[in-house]
Protein backbone atom coordinates (compact mmCIF):
# COMPACT_ATOMS: atom_id res chain seq x y z
CA MET A 1 -75.02 -31.96 -93.17
CA ILE A 2 -78.06 -31.92 -95.46
CA ALA A 3 -76.38 -29.37 -97.74
CA ALA A 4 -73.24 -31.49 -97.93
CA GLU A 5 -75.25 -34.60 -98.81
CA GLY A 6 -77.08 -32.62 -101.47
CA ARG A 7 -73.77 -31.53 -103.00
CA LEU A 8 -72.52 -35.12 -103.01
CA LEU A 9 -75.68 -36.28 -104.75
CA ARG A 10 -75.36 -33.53 -107.36
CA VAL A 11 -71.71 -34.45 -107.97
CA ALA A 12 -72.60 -38.14 -108.28
CA ALA A 13 -75.46 -37.34 -110.65
CA PHE A 14 -73.18 -35.12 -112.75
CA ASP A 15 -70.50 -37.83 -112.89
CA LEU A 16 -73.07 -40.46 -113.92
CA THR A 17 -74.46 -38.16 -116.62
CA ARG A 18 -70.97 -37.45 -117.92
CA LYS A 19 -70.12 -41.15 -118.08
CA LEU A 20 -73.36 -41.99 -119.86
CA ALA A 21 -72.56 -39.31 -122.43
CA GLU A 22 -69.09 -40.82 -122.95
CA ILE A 23 -70.43 -44.29 -123.75
CA ASN A 24 -69.96 -45.29 -127.37
CA TRP A 25 -73.64 -45.54 -128.23
CA PHE A 26 -72.82 -46.44 -131.82
CA LEU A 27 -71.28 -49.67 -130.52
CA VAL A 28 -74.31 -50.25 -128.29
CA ILE A 29 -76.58 -49.92 -131.34
CA LEU A 30 -74.43 -52.37 -133.30
CA ILE A 31 -74.52 -54.89 -130.43
CA SER A 32 -78.29 -54.55 -130.10
CA ALA A 33 -78.77 -54.96 -133.85
CA LEU A 34 -76.70 -58.17 -133.88
CA ALA A 35 -78.61 -59.53 -130.89
CA GLY A 36 -81.85 -58.65 -132.67
CA ILE A 37 -80.75 -60.66 -135.71
CA GLY A 38 -79.96 -63.50 -133.35
CA ALA A 39 -83.43 -63.40 -131.79
CA LEU A 40 -85.00 -63.30 -135.26
CA SER A 41 -82.96 -66.31 -136.35
CA LEU A 42 -83.79 -68.25 -133.19
CA TYR A 43 -87.47 -67.51 -133.72
CA SER A 44 -87.21 -68.94 -137.22
CA ALA A 45 -85.38 -72.02 -135.89
CA ALA A 46 -88.49 -73.08 -133.96
CA GLY A 47 -91.24 -71.06 -135.67
CA THR A 48 -92.16 -69.56 -132.31
CA PHE A 49 -90.58 -67.50 -129.50
CA ALA A 50 -90.23 -70.64 -127.41
CA PRO A 51 -87.93 -72.41 -126.76
CA TYR A 52 -85.03 -70.32 -128.12
CA ALA A 53 -85.87 -66.70 -128.88
CA LYS A 54 -87.68 -65.79 -125.64
CA PRO A 55 -84.97 -67.08 -123.24
CA GLN A 56 -82.32 -65.45 -125.43
CA LEU A 57 -84.05 -62.07 -125.28
CA ILE A 58 -84.36 -62.32 -121.50
CA ARG A 59 -80.67 -63.14 -121.22
CA PHE A 60 -79.80 -60.25 -123.53
CA ALA A 61 -81.81 -57.84 -121.38
CA ALA A 62 -79.91 -59.03 -118.28
CA GLY A 63 -76.64 -58.86 -120.18
CA PHE A 64 -77.45 -55.36 -121.43
CA ALA A 65 -77.94 -54.12 -117.87
CA LEU A 66 -74.71 -55.85 -116.83
CA MET A 67 -72.87 -54.28 -119.78
CA LEU A 68 -73.94 -50.76 -118.81
CA ALA A 69 -73.06 -51.34 -115.14
CA ILE A 70 -69.55 -52.47 -116.12
CA ALA A 71 -69.21 -49.60 -118.59
CA LEU A 72 -69.78 -47.09 -115.78
CA THR A 73 -67.24 -48.81 -113.51
CA ASP A 74 -63.81 -47.18 -113.35
CA ILE A 75 -61.45 -49.16 -115.57
CA ARG A 76 -58.84 -49.09 -112.79
CA HIS A 77 -61.20 -51.03 -110.51
CA ILE A 78 -61.67 -53.56 -113.30
CA ALA A 79 -57.88 -53.80 -113.70
CA ARG A 80 -57.49 -54.64 -110.01
CA LEU A 81 -59.95 -57.52 -110.43
CA ALA A 82 -58.19 -58.93 -113.51
CA TRP A 83 -56.07 -61.61 -111.87
CA PRO A 84 -58.67 -62.66 -109.27
CA LEU A 85 -61.16 -63.15 -112.11
CA TYR A 86 -58.58 -65.14 -114.05
CA PHE A 87 -57.84 -67.50 -111.15
CA VAL A 88 -61.55 -67.99 -110.39
CA SER A 89 -62.09 -68.92 -114.05
CA LEU A 90 -59.11 -71.27 -113.95
CA VAL A 91 -60.43 -73.02 -110.83
CA MET A 92 -63.83 -73.38 -112.49
CA LEU A 93 -62.18 -74.95 -115.53
CA ALA A 94 -60.44 -77.45 -113.26
CA LEU A 95 -63.73 -78.22 -111.50
CA VAL A 96 -65.36 -78.96 -114.85
CA LEU A 97 -63.07 -81.97 -115.26
CA ARG A 98 -64.27 -83.37 -111.93
CA PHE A 99 -67.87 -82.19 -111.60
CA GLY A 100 -68.77 -81.00 -115.10
CA SER A 101 -71.95 -81.82 -116.97
CA VAL A 102 -71.61 -83.75 -120.22
CA GLY A 103 -73.03 -82.32 -123.42
CA LEU A 104 -72.40 -83.56 -126.96
CA GLY A 105 -69.63 -85.84 -125.70
CA ALA A 106 -67.73 -83.23 -123.68
CA GLU A 107 -67.63 -81.99 -120.11
CA ARG A 108 -68.03 -78.22 -120.52
CA TRP A 109 -70.58 -77.04 -117.98
CA LEU A 110 -70.81 -76.52 -114.22
CA SER A 111 -74.30 -76.58 -112.71
CA PHE A 112 -75.24 -74.23 -109.86
CA GLY A 113 -78.80 -74.50 -108.55
CA GLY A 114 -80.30 -75.28 -111.90
CA PHE A 115 -78.09 -72.87 -113.85
CA ALA A 116 -75.40 -74.22 -116.20
CA VAL A 117 -72.22 -72.17 -116.63
CA GLN A 118 -69.51 -72.77 -119.21
CA PRO A 119 -66.22 -71.67 -117.58
CA SER A 120 -64.34 -71.65 -120.89
CA GLU A 121 -66.54 -68.74 -121.96
CA LEU A 122 -65.71 -66.80 -118.79
CA MET A 123 -62.01 -67.47 -119.30
CA LYS A 124 -61.91 -65.54 -122.60
CA PRO A 125 -62.38 -62.00 -121.18
CA ALA A 126 -60.61 -63.01 -117.95
CA LEU A 127 -57.45 -63.97 -119.83
CA VAL A 128 -57.47 -60.74 -121.85
CA LEU A 129 -57.79 -58.67 -118.66
CA ALA A 130 -55.05 -60.62 -116.87
CA LEU A 131 -52.59 -60.24 -119.75
CA ALA A 132 -53.42 -56.55 -120.16
CA HIS A 133 -52.79 -56.04 -116.43
CA TRP A 134 -49.43 -57.84 -116.67
CA PHE A 135 -48.18 -55.72 -119.57
CA HIS A 136 -49.75 -52.33 -118.92
CA ARG A 137 -46.82 -51.04 -116.84
CA ALA A 138 -44.03 -52.83 -118.71
CA SER A 139 -41.56 -50.94 -120.88
CA TRP A 140 -40.63 -52.07 -124.40
CA GLU A 141 -37.25 -53.25 -123.12
CA ARG A 142 -38.80 -55.35 -120.38
CA VAL A 143 -41.26 -57.02 -122.74
CA GLY A 144 -38.25 -58.01 -124.83
CA ASN A 145 -36.85 -60.03 -121.93
CA PRO A 146 -37.93 -63.70 -122.43
CA ALA A 147 -37.98 -64.28 -118.66
CA PHE A 148 -40.63 -61.57 -118.30
CA LEU A 149 -42.87 -63.48 -120.74
CA VAL A 150 -42.80 -66.77 -118.84
CA PRO A 151 -45.73 -65.94 -116.45
CA PRO A 152 -48.09 -64.66 -119.20
CA VAL A 153 -47.25 -67.61 -121.45
CA LEU A 154 -48.06 -70.00 -118.60
CA ALA A 155 -51.25 -68.02 -117.96
CA ILE A 156 -52.26 -68.76 -121.56
CA LEU A 157 -51.24 -72.40 -121.65
CA ALA A 158 -52.93 -73.37 -118.35
CA PRO A 159 -56.53 -72.72 -119.50
CA VAL A 160 -55.75 -74.04 -122.98
CA ALA A 161 -54.65 -77.36 -121.46
CA LEU A 162 -57.76 -77.58 -119.26
CA ILE A 163 -60.10 -76.74 -122.15
CA LEU A 164 -58.42 -79.39 -124.30
CA LYS A 165 -59.14 -81.93 -121.56
CA GLU A 166 -62.93 -81.28 -121.71
CA PRO A 167 -62.39 -81.78 -124.76
CA ASN A 168 -63.09 -78.53 -126.63
CA LEU A 169 -60.48 -78.10 -129.33
CA GLY A 170 -62.13 -75.16 -131.09
CA THR A 171 -62.35 -72.98 -127.98
CA ALA A 172 -58.83 -73.99 -126.89
CA VAL A 173 -57.38 -72.85 -130.21
CA ILE A 174 -59.24 -69.54 -129.99
CA VAL A 175 -58.07 -68.90 -126.40
CA LEU A 176 -54.50 -69.63 -127.51
CA ALA A 177 -54.82 -67.26 -130.49
CA VAL A 178 -56.33 -64.47 -128.37
CA GLY A 179 -53.54 -64.78 -125.81
CA ALA A 180 -50.90 -64.74 -128.55
CA SER A 181 -52.46 -61.63 -130.11
CA VAL A 182 -52.24 -59.74 -126.81
CA LEU A 183 -48.58 -60.78 -126.48
CA PHE A 184 -47.93 -59.49 -130.00
CA VAL A 185 -49.55 -56.10 -129.40
CA ALA A 186 -47.78 -55.79 -126.04
CA GLY A 187 -44.43 -56.00 -127.85
CA ALA A 188 -43.31 -59.64 -127.72
CA ARG A 189 -40.61 -60.15 -130.33
CA LEU A 190 -41.39 -61.85 -133.61
CA TRP A 191 -38.71 -64.54 -133.19
CA LEU A 192 -40.69 -65.89 -130.24
CA PHE A 193 -43.75 -66.37 -132.44
CA GLY A 194 -41.58 -68.02 -135.07
CA LEU A 195 -40.22 -70.40 -132.46
CA ALA A 196 -43.73 -71.16 -131.18
CA ALA A 197 -45.00 -71.80 -134.73
CA THR A 198 -42.11 -74.19 -135.36
CA LEU A 199 -42.80 -76.09 -132.15
CA LEU A 200 -46.50 -76.33 -133.01
CA GLY A 201 -45.66 -77.63 -136.47
CA VAL A 202 -43.43 -80.32 -135.00
CA ALA A 203 -46.00 -81.25 -132.34
CA ALA A 204 -49.01 -81.31 -134.70
CA PRO A 205 -48.53 -84.90 -135.99
CA ILE A 206 -48.04 -86.13 -132.43
CA ALA A 207 -51.07 -84.19 -131.20
CA TYR A 208 -53.21 -85.70 -133.97
CA THR A 209 -52.61 -89.20 -132.62
CA HIS A 210 -53.99 -88.09 -129.25
CA LEU A 211 -57.19 -86.56 -130.65
CA HIS A 212 -60.54 -88.16 -129.88
CA ASP A 213 -62.09 -90.22 -132.65
CA TYR A 214 -64.79 -87.63 -133.35
CA GLN A 215 -62.12 -84.91 -133.66
CA LYS A 216 -60.16 -86.99 -136.17
CA ALA A 217 -63.40 -87.61 -138.05
CA ARG A 218 -64.03 -83.86 -138.26
CA ILE A 219 -60.62 -83.29 -139.82
CA LEU A 220 -61.06 -86.13 -142.32
CA THR A 221 -64.58 -84.91 -143.11
CA PHE A 222 -63.21 -81.41 -143.70
CA LEU A 223 -60.78 -82.83 -146.27
CA ASP A 224 -63.49 -84.94 -147.94
CA PRO A 225 -67.10 -84.40 -146.73
CA SER A 226 -68.42 -87.02 -149.18
CA ARG A 227 -66.48 -89.84 -147.50
CA ASP A 228 -69.31 -90.35 -145.00
CA PRO A 229 -72.35 -88.37 -146.24
CA LEU A 230 -74.77 -89.95 -143.77
CA GLY A 231 -72.37 -89.89 -140.81
CA SER A 232 -69.55 -87.46 -139.99
CA GLY A 233 -70.00 -85.60 -143.29
CA TYR A 234 -73.75 -85.08 -142.91
CA ASN A 235 -73.61 -81.78 -141.01
CA ILE A 236 -71.31 -79.91 -143.36
CA LEU A 237 -72.97 -81.28 -146.51
CA GLN A 238 -76.40 -80.15 -145.30
CA SER A 239 -74.94 -76.79 -144.33
CA LYS A 240 -73.51 -76.26 -147.82
CA ILE A 241 -76.83 -77.27 -149.39
CA ALA A 242 -78.66 -74.73 -147.21
CA LEU A 243 -76.15 -71.99 -148.03
CA GLY A 244 -76.55 -72.65 -151.72
CA SER A 245 -80.34 -72.78 -151.56
CA GLY A 246 -80.39 -69.26 -150.13
CA GLY A 247 -79.17 -67.82 -153.42
CA LEU A 248 -78.79 -64.07 -153.78
CA TRP A 249 -81.84 -62.84 -151.85
CA GLY A 250 -82.80 -65.90 -149.82
CA GLN A 251 -85.97 -67.96 -149.58
CA GLY A 252 -87.61 -65.53 -147.17
CA PHE A 253 -88.21 -65.41 -143.44
CA LEU A 254 -89.56 -68.74 -142.10
CA HIS A 255 -89.19 -70.29 -145.55
CA ALA A 256 -85.86 -72.06 -145.17
CA SER A 257 -86.42 -75.52 -146.68
CA GLN A 258 -83.40 -77.21 -145.12
CA GLY A 259 -84.06 -75.61 -141.75
CA SER A 260 -87.82 -76.10 -141.60
CA LEU A 261 -87.52 -79.76 -142.68
CA ASP A 262 -84.89 -80.35 -139.96
CA PHE A 263 -82.16 -81.37 -142.38
CA LEU A 264 -79.96 -78.64 -140.92
CA PRO A 265 -78.27 -79.85 -137.70
CA GLU A 266 -77.84 -77.72 -134.56
CA LYS A 267 -79.53 -74.85 -136.37
CA GLN A 268 -80.07 -72.87 -133.16
CA THR A 269 -76.38 -72.98 -132.14
CA ASP A 270 -73.43 -73.94 -134.35
CA PHE A 271 -75.26 -73.62 -137.70
CA ILE A 272 -77.35 -70.51 -136.97
CA PHE A 273 -75.50 -68.57 -139.69
CA THR A 274 -76.52 -71.19 -142.25
CA LEU A 275 -80.16 -70.89 -141.22
CA PHE A 276 -79.97 -67.10 -141.55
CA ALA A 277 -78.22 -67.34 -144.94
CA GLU A 278 -80.85 -69.71 -146.32
CA GLN A 279 -83.60 -67.24 -145.45
CA PHE A 280 -81.89 -63.98 -146.40
CA GLY A 281 -79.40 -65.10 -149.02
CA PHE A 282 -76.02 -63.71 -149.96
CA VAL A 283 -77.14 -60.09 -149.51
CA GLY A 284 -78.44 -60.68 -145.99
CA SER A 285 -75.37 -62.72 -145.05
CA LEU A 286 -73.08 -59.97 -146.32
CA ALA A 287 -74.99 -57.40 -144.27
CA LEU A 288 -74.56 -59.58 -141.17
CA LEU A 289 -70.82 -59.90 -141.78
CA VAL A 290 -70.52 -56.13 -142.28
CA LEU A 291 -72.26 -55.63 -138.93
CA ILE A 292 -69.78 -57.97 -137.24
CA ALA A 293 -66.87 -56.18 -138.94
CA LEU A 294 -68.13 -52.80 -137.71
CA ILE A 295 -68.17 -54.11 -134.14
CA VAL A 296 -64.58 -55.36 -134.48
CA PHE A 297 -63.34 -52.10 -136.02
CA THR A 298 -65.10 -50.08 -133.32
CA ALA A 299 -63.39 -52.16 -130.63
CA ILE A 300 -60.00 -51.50 -132.22
CA ALA A 301 -60.79 -47.78 -132.55
CA ILE A 302 -61.66 -47.65 -128.84
CA GLY A 303 -58.29 -49.23 -128.04
CA LEU A 304 -56.40 -46.77 -130.24
CA ALA A 305 -58.12 -43.84 -128.52
CA SER A 306 -57.13 -45.03 -125.03
CA ARG A 307 -54.27 -43.12 -123.38
CA HIS A 308 -53.26 -46.07 -121.19
CA GLN A 309 -51.77 -49.39 -122.23
CA PHE A 310 -54.25 -51.41 -120.19
CA GLY A 311 -57.12 -50.00 -122.22
CA ARG A 312 -55.34 -50.53 -125.53
CA LEU A 313 -54.47 -54.16 -124.81
CA THR A 314 -57.89 -54.93 -123.34
CA ALA A 315 -59.82 -53.42 -126.25
CA PHE A 316 -57.64 -55.15 -128.83
CA GLY A 317 -57.83 -58.52 -127.06
CA LEU A 318 -61.60 -58.39 -126.71
CA GLY A 319 -61.98 -57.27 -130.33
CA VAL A 320 -59.79 -60.14 -131.56
CA ASN A 321 -61.71 -62.62 -129.42
CA PHE A 322 -65.03 -61.49 -130.89
CA PHE A 323 -63.61 -61.58 -134.44
CA LEU A 324 -62.15 -65.07 -134.03
CA TYR A 325 -65.39 -66.55 -132.72
CA ALA A 326 -67.37 -65.03 -135.56
CA PHE A 327 -64.77 -65.99 -138.17
CA VAL A 328 -64.44 -69.59 -136.96
CA ASN A 329 -68.20 -70.11 -136.85
CA VAL A 330 -68.82 -68.73 -140.34
CA ALA A 331 -65.80 -70.49 -141.84
CA MET A 332 -66.86 -73.72 -140.13
CA VAL A 333 -70.39 -73.81 -141.60
CA MET A 334 -68.98 -72.95 -145.04
CA GLY A 335 -66.58 -75.91 -144.90
CA VAL A 336 -63.47 -73.69 -144.96
CA ILE A 337 -62.22 -75.15 -141.66
CA PRO A 338 -63.20 -78.31 -139.72
CA VAL A 339 -66.40 -78.20 -137.67
CA GLY A 340 -65.49 -77.27 -134.09
CA GLY A 341 -68.64 -76.47 -132.17
CA VAL A 342 -67.99 -72.71 -131.90
CA PRO A 343 -71.07 -70.44 -131.57
CA LEU A 344 -71.70 -67.19 -133.42
CA PRO A 345 -71.53 -64.43 -130.76
CA LEU A 346 -74.91 -62.83 -129.85
CA VAL A 347 -76.64 -64.88 -132.54
CA SER A 348 -76.32 -68.52 -131.48
CA TYR A 349 -78.47 -69.81 -128.64
CA GLY A 350 -76.67 -70.04 -125.30
CA GLY A 351 -76.57 -68.31 -121.94
CA SER A 352 -72.90 -68.45 -120.93
CA ALA A 353 -71.63 -67.26 -124.30
CA LEU A 354 -74.10 -64.37 -124.45
CA LEU A 355 -73.53 -63.11 -120.90
CA THR A 356 -69.74 -63.30 -121.10
CA THR A 357 -69.83 -61.55 -124.47
CA MET A 358 -71.89 -58.75 -122.92
CA MET A 359 -69.45 -58.58 -120.00
CA GLY A 360 -66.63 -58.16 -122.51
CA PHE A 361 -68.49 -55.36 -124.26
CA GLY A 362 -69.06 -53.72 -120.88
CA VAL A 363 -65.32 -53.70 -120.26
CA LEU A 364 -64.77 -52.38 -123.77
CA LEU A 365 -67.19 -49.52 -123.12
CA SER A 366 -65.47 -48.82 -119.80
CA VAL A 367 -62.21 -48.41 -121.71
CA GLN A 368 -63.98 -45.83 -123.88
CA VAL A 369 -65.51 -43.96 -120.93
CA HIS A 370 -62.26 -43.96 -118.91
CA ARG A 371 -59.80 -43.63 -121.79
CA ASP A 372 -58.08 -40.62 -120.19
CA VAL A 373 -57.62 -41.89 -116.63
CA GLU A 374 -54.11 -42.05 -115.19
CA PHE A 375 -52.51 -45.38 -114.35
CA LEU A 376 -49.21 -45.68 -112.50
CA PRO A 377 -46.15 -44.92 -114.68
CA GLN A 378 -44.32 -47.65 -116.51
CA ARG A 379 -41.61 -49.72 -114.89
CA GLN A 380 -38.42 -49.21 -116.84
CA GLU A 381 -36.21 -51.88 -115.28
CA ILE A 382 -35.53 -55.05 -117.21
C-alpha cells in the first residue's frame, strides 16, 4: 500500500512538472510586464502606493495564482464547465438589473459581503468558452446550416441585451464583436455577417433615439469635442492635451502636468493610457502597444498550435477579446472613437476586470499545456 501511494505521488509530481514545463512562460512574462506597467501608472496617479497601486498588486498576485491553477487544469474539464459558467454569468447579469450597485450612472456591480463583482467582465471569457464548446465537434457542413447557428447567436445576444440595459454600451459592443469573431473562425458563412451588418445599419438610427442622454452626448462630443469644452467635451479635450504634452520622450515619471494637476479625468481607470503617455511620451506609448500586440499574437499562436477545435476557438476568442479592450481604450482616449468607459486590461484600476482577465489567460495557458489532448470526434451530420 505504501509503495503504491509512493508511485502515485511520483506520477503526480512528474505530471505536474511536465505541465509546468509546457506553460508558455514567454506569455507569463509579457502578462507580468504589462501588469507591472499598470502598477507603475497607478502609483503615479496618486503619487503613492495607496489607494490604487497596492490593491492592484494584491489582486494581481491572487490572479496570478488563479491563472497558474487554471493553466494546470485539463482543458477538457474546463470545456465541461463552459455552459454552466455561461449560465451563471447570465443569471448574474440579470440580477444586476434588480440588485446592482450604481456607479457613474449605471448599474454594473453586484455586492457580496463587501466585495463588488462586475458580471459583464465574467461574461467575456464565459461566452468564448460556451461558443467554443458548441462548435468544437461540429463539421464544416453543419456550421453552414443556419438552424445550427440559432443557439449560439441567441447565446451572444442575451448577454448583449442585458449589458445594454445596465447601460454599458461599450462592453456590449465588445461582447457582440467577440462572439461574432468566434462564429467567423468556427466557419459561419460570410453572407450571414453581411445580413447582420445590413440589419445593424438599418437599426442604428432607431437605436440612437433610444440611447441615454449621456450616450448621445458622447457621440456628439466625438464628432465635435469643442461644442461643450467644459461639459461633455472636457474629458477628451484634456486627454488630447495630455497626450500632446508627452511629446516624444515624455515629461518623466511623476511629472505629468495634466495628471498631477488633476485636469485629467478618471486617470486611474479609463484614461490610464493618457497618464502613461504624458509621462513616457510617444516612445513609451509605442513600447506599451508593442507589448499588448505581442500578447495578442502569442494568444493566436497558441490557438494555431492546438490540435483540437475547442482550443483553437478558445484561444482566438480570448485573444480577440483582449485586443478589442485594449484597442477601444486607446482609441477612446485619443478621440478616434466615442468615450465608452472601457478599461485598459491589466493597466487600469479594477478588481473584476483584472481577475477575469487573469482567468482568461489561465484558460489560454491551459490550451497551450493540453494542446495535444484528444476530444471526441466531430459530428458529421447536418
